[in-house]
Amino acid sequence: MTRGLLLLTAGLLFGSLAVLGGGAYAQTALQDRFMTEHALQDARRDLMATQTEIQNAQTRADTTVRLRGLDEQRAGPSLRPLTTDAAPRRDTDLSASTQQLERLTAQALAESNARMRAIRPASEPK
């Protein structure tokens, strides 16, 4: 970035001398203008490179934090194995849920059949 600033300063200095010197320095003024534009482009490139480096550093830091959190989770308390009394309790809960589902299904079917019986055919006299 310093190099770009020096080139920019030099370009401006030579450009101002060319303007003061008249037509003999016209070509030099044009070259100075191109040098100044080139220096500006260099400065922009340097700035973009610096911004990219900052973003990369932030991404690396975020990744490190996430990985540290995952490592802590992995090292944390482990899952306990199923105990012998857990399996029968689970089977009992499953059986109760199945019976409740069968009861609700039968009830819904009975209600549906009652509604169907309540509908009179159109051919039946009123």
C-alpha atoms as a PDB file:
ATOM      1  CA  MET A   1       0.000   0.000   0.000  1.00  0.00           C
ATOM      2  CA  THR A   2       2.929   2.336   0.689  1.00  0.00           C
ATOM      3  CA  ARG A   3       4.331   1.697  -2.766  1.00  0.00           C
ATOM      4  CA  GLY A   4       1.025   2.725  -4.301  1.00  0.00           C
ATOM      5  CA  LEU A   5       0.958   5.903  -2.255  1.00  0.00           C
ATOM      6  CA  LEU A   6       4.492   6.798  -3.353  1.00  0.00           C
ATOM      7  CA  LEU A   7       3.640   6.186  -6.992  1.00  0.00           C
ATOM      8  CA  LEU A   8       0.502   8.272  -6.618  1.00  0.00           C
ATOM      9  CA  THR A   9       2.470  11.155  -5.086  1.00  0.00           C
ATOM     10  CA  ALA A  10       5.134  10.939  -7.766  1.00  0.00           C
ATOM     11  CA  GLY A  11       2.490  10.868 -10.477  1.00  0.00           C
ATOM     12  CA  LEU A  12       0.775  13.934  -9.113  1.00  0.00           C
ATOM     13  CA  LEU A  13       4.079  15.795  -8.809  1.00  0.00           C
ATOM     14  CA  PHE A  14       5.127  14.989 -12.358  1.00  0.00           C
ATOM     15  CA  GLY A  15       1.644  15.752 -13.618  1.00  0.00           C
ATOM     16  CA  SER A  16       1.658  19.194 -12.062  1.00  0.00           C
ATOM     17  CA  LEU A  17       5.115  19.912 -13.503  1.00  0.00           C
ATOM     18  CA  ALA A  18       3.924  18.847 -16.928  1.00  0.00           C
ATOM     19  CA  VAL A  19       0.957  21.196 -16.755  1.00  0.00           C
ATOM     20  CA  LEU A  20       3.193  24.073 -15.714  1.00  0.00           C
ATOM     21  CA  GLY A  21       5.803  23.283 -18.371  1.00  0.00           C
ATOM     22  CA  GLY A  22       3.449  23.565 -21.332  1.00  0.00           C
ATOM     23  CA  GLY A  23       3.144  21.515 -24.515  1.00  0.00           C
ATOM     24  CA  ALA A  24       6.669  20.042 -24.397  1.00  0.00           C
ATOM     25  CA  TYR A  25       5.668  18.007 -21.390  1.00  0.00           C
ATOM     26  CA  ALA A  26       2.302  16.853 -22.786  1.00  0.00           C
ATOM     27  CA  GLN A  27       3.522  13.334 -23.419  1.00  0.00           C
ATOM     28  CA  THR A  28       5.119  13.208 -19.989  1.00  0.00           C
ATOM     29  CA  ALA A  29       1.831  14.396 -18.455  1.00  0.00           C
ATOM     30  CA  LEU A  30      -0.009  11.578 -20.193  1.00  0.00           C
ATOM     31  CA  GLN A  31       2.518   9.055 -18.924  1.00  0.00           C
ATOM     32  CA  ASP A  32       2.213  10.520 -15.438  1.00  0.00           C
ATOM     33  CA  ARG A  33      -1.533  10.171 -15.618  1.00  0.00           C
ATOM     34  CA  PHE A  34      -1.187   6.503 -16.535  1.00  0.00           C
ATOM     35  CA  MET A  35       1.308   6.019 -13.698  1.00  0.00           C
ATOM     36  CA  THR A  36      -1.135   7.629 -11.281  1.00  0.00           C
ATOM     37  CA  GLU A  37      -3.980   5.388 -12.443  1.00  0.00           C
ATOM     38  CA  HIS A  38      -1.709   2.370 -12.131  1.00  0.00           C
ATOM     39  CA  ALA A  39      -0.759   3.423  -8.600  1.00  0.00           C
ATOM     40  CA  LEU A  40      -4.442   3.734  -7.689  1.00  0.00           C
ATOM     41  CA  GLN A  41      -5.112   0.258  -9.048  1.00  0.00           C
ATOM     42  CA  ASP A  42      -2.204  -1.105  -6.998  1.00  0.00           C
ATOM     43  CA  ALA A  43      -3.568   0.562  -3.874  1.00  0.00           C
ATOM     44  CA  ARG A  44      -7.029  -0.901  -4.507  1.00  0.00           C
ATOM     45  CA  ARG A  45      -5.532  -4.366  -5.040  1.00  0.00           C
ATOM     46  CA  ASP A  46      -3.552  -4.069  -1.811  1.00  0.00           C
ATOM     47  CA  LEU A  47      -6.683  -3.005   0.064  1.00  0.00           C
ATOM     48  CA  MET A  48      -8.686  -5.921  -1.347  1.00  0.00           C
ATOM     49  CA  ALA A  49      -5.894  -8.348  -0.432  1.00  0.00           C
ATOM     50  CA  THR A  50      -5.872  -6.999   3.120  1.00  0.00           C
ATOM     51  CA  GLN A  51      -9.657  -7.342   3.395  1.00  0.00           C
ATOM     52  CA  THR A  52      -9.450 -10.914   2.092  1.00  0.00           C
ATOM     53  CA  GLU A  53      -6.789 -11.751   4.674  1.00  0.00           C
ATOM     54  CA  ILE A  54      -8.983 -10.320   7.434  1.00  0.00           C
ATOM     55  CA  GLN A  55     -11.983 -12.351   6.283  1.00  0.00           C
ATOM     56  CA  ASN A  56      -9.870 -15.501   6.108  1.00  0.00           C
ATOM     57  CA  ALA A  57      -8.589 -14.907   9.643  1.00  0.00           C
ATOM     58  CA  GLN A  58     -12.159 -14.428  10.913  1.00  0.00           C
ATOM     59  CA  THR A  59     -13.272 -17.629   9.175  1.00  0.00           C
ATOM     60  CA  ARG A  60     -10.368 -19.558  10.695  1.00  0.00           C
ATOM     61  CA  ALA A  61     -11.232 -18.210  14.146  1.00  0.00           C
ATOM     62  CA  ASP A  62     -14.911 -19.165  13.742  1.00  0.00           C
ATOM     63  CA  THR A  63     -13.939 -22.649  12.596  1.00  0.00           C
ATOM     64  CA  THR A  64     -11.621 -23.061  15.569  1.00  0.00           C
ATOM     65  CA  VAL A  65     -14.394 -22.058  17.976  1.00  0.00           C
ATOM     66  CA  ARG A  66     -16.855 -24.477  16.370  1.00  0.00           C
ATOM     67  CA  LEU A  67     -14.376 -27.337  16.413  1.00  0.00           C
ATOM     68  CA  ARG A  68     -13.555 -26.631  20.054  1.00  0.00           C
ATOM     69  CA  GLY A  69     -17.267 -26.785  20.887  1.00  0.00           C
ATOM     70  CA  LEU A  70     -17.648 -30.093  19.054  1.00  0.00           C
ATOM     71  CA  ASP A  71     -14.640 -31.515  20.876  1.00  0.00           C
ATOM     72  CA  GLU A  72     -16.143 -30.446  24.217  1.00  0.00           C
ATOM     73  CA  GLN A  73     -19.431 -32.122  23.300  1.00  0.00           C
ATOM     74  CA  ARG A  74     -17.642 -35.301  22.333  1.00  0.00           C
ATOM     75  CA  ALA A  75     -15.631 -35.311  25.563  1.00  0.00           C
ATOM     76  CA  GLY A  76     -18.722 -34.489  27.647  1.00  0.00           C
ATOM     77  CA  PRO A  77     -21.003 -36.975  29.392  1.00  0.00           C
ATOM     78  CA  SER A  78     -21.653 -40.021  27.288  1.00  0.00           C
ATOM     79  CA  LEU A  79     -25.042 -41.597  26.705  1.00  0.00           C
ATOM     80  CA  ARG A  80     -25.954 -44.169  29.295  1.00  0.00           C
ATOM     81  CA  PRO A  81     -26.833 -47.659  28.081  1.00  0.00           C
ATOM     82  CA  LEU A  82     -30.365 -48.970  28.365  1.00  0.00           C
ATOM     83  CA  THR A  83     -30.992 -50.660  31.674  1.00  0.00           C
ATOM     84  CA  THR A  84     -32.817 -53.964  31.966  1.00  0.00           C
ATOM     85  CA  ASP A  85     -35.959 -52.327  33.393  1.00  0.00           C
ATOM     86  CA  ALA A  86     -36.109 -49.789  30.544  1.00  0.00           C
ATOM     87  CA  ALA A  87     -36.897 -52.397  27.887  1.00  0.00           C
ATOM     88  CA  PRO A  88     -40.044 -53.830  29.580  1.00  0.00           C
ATOM     89  CA  ARG A  89     -41.276 -50.322  30.404  1.00  0.00           C
ATOM     90  CA  ARG A  90     -40.816 -49.337  26.755  1.00  0.00           C
ATOM     91  CA  ASP A  91     -42.749 -52.432  25.644  1.00  0.00           C
ATOM     92  CA  THR A  92     -45.551 -51.628  28.089  1.00  0.00           C
ATOM     93  CA  ASP A  93     -45.753 -48.039  26.823  1.00  0.00           C
ATOM     94  CA  LEU A  94     -45.833 -49.277  23.230  1.00  0.00           C
ATOM     95  CA  SER A  95     -48.581 -51.775  24.022  1.00  0.00           C
ATOM     96  CA  ALA A  96     -50.678 -49.118  25.762  1.00  0.00           C
ATOM     97  CA  SER A  97     -50.235 -46.737  22.827  1.00  0.00           C
ATOM     98  CA  THR A  98     -51.259 -49.443  20.374  1.00  0.00           C
ATOM     99  CA  GLN A  99     -54.398 -50.271  22.372  1.00  0.00           C
ATOM    100  CA  GLN A 100     -55.351 -46.597  22.579  1.00  0.00           C
ATOM    101  CA  LEU A 101     -54.855 -46.212  18.812  1.00  0.00           C
ATOM    102  CA  GLU A 102     -57.040 -49.273  18.118  1.00  0.00           C
ATOM    103  CA  ARG A 103     -59.751 -47.926  20.452  1.00  0.00           C
ATOM    104  CA  LEU A 104     -59.722 -44.487  18.779  1.00  0.00           C
ATOM    105  CA  THR A 105     -59.821 -46.080  15.324  1.00  0.00           C
ATOM    106  CA  ALA A 106     -62.831 -48.244  16.276  1.00  0.00           C
ATOM    107  CA  GLN A 107     -64.596 -45.202  17.742  1.00  0.00           C
ATOM    108  CA  ALA A 108     -63.986 -43.141  14.580  1.00  0.00           C
ATOM    109  CA  LEU A 109     -65.246 -46.026  12.416  1.00  0.00           C
ATOM    110  CA  ALA A 110     -68.410 -46.374  14.511  1.00  0.00           C
ATOM    111  CA  GLU A 111     -69.104 -42.623  14.228  1.00  0.00           C
ATOM    112  CA  SER A 112     -68.555 -42.730  10.474  1.00  0.00           C
ATOM    113  CA  ASN A 113     -70.911 -45.723  10.087  1.00  0.00           C
ATOM    114  CA  ALA A 114     -73.568 -43.934  12.163  1.00  0.00           C
ATOM    115  CA  ARG A 115     -73.338 -40.880   9.898  1.00  0.00           C
ATOM    116  CA  MET A 116     -73.634 -43.066   6.800  1.00  0.00           C
ATOM    117  CA  ARG A 117     -76.745 -44.795   8.219  1.00  0.00           C
ATOM    118  CA  ALA A 118     -78.302 -41.424   8.994  1.00  0.00           C
ATOM    119  CA  ILE A 119     -78.173 -40.394   5.337  1.00  0.00           C
ATOM    120  CA  ARG A 120     -81.347 -41.417   3.542  1.00  0.00           C
ATOM    121  CA  PRO A 121     -81.147 -42.350  -0.097  1.00  0.00           C
ATOM    122  CA  ALA A 122     -82.630 -39.880  -2.551  1.00  0.00           C
ATOM    123  CA  SER A 123     -85.043 -42.517  -3.871  1.00  0.00           C
ATOM    124  CA  GLU A 124     -86.614 -43.024  -0.446  1.00  0.00           C
ATOM    125  CA  PRO A 125     -89.880 -41.145   0.001  1.00  0.00           C
ATOM    126  CA  LYS A 126     -90.075 -38.460   2.590  1.00  0.00           C
END
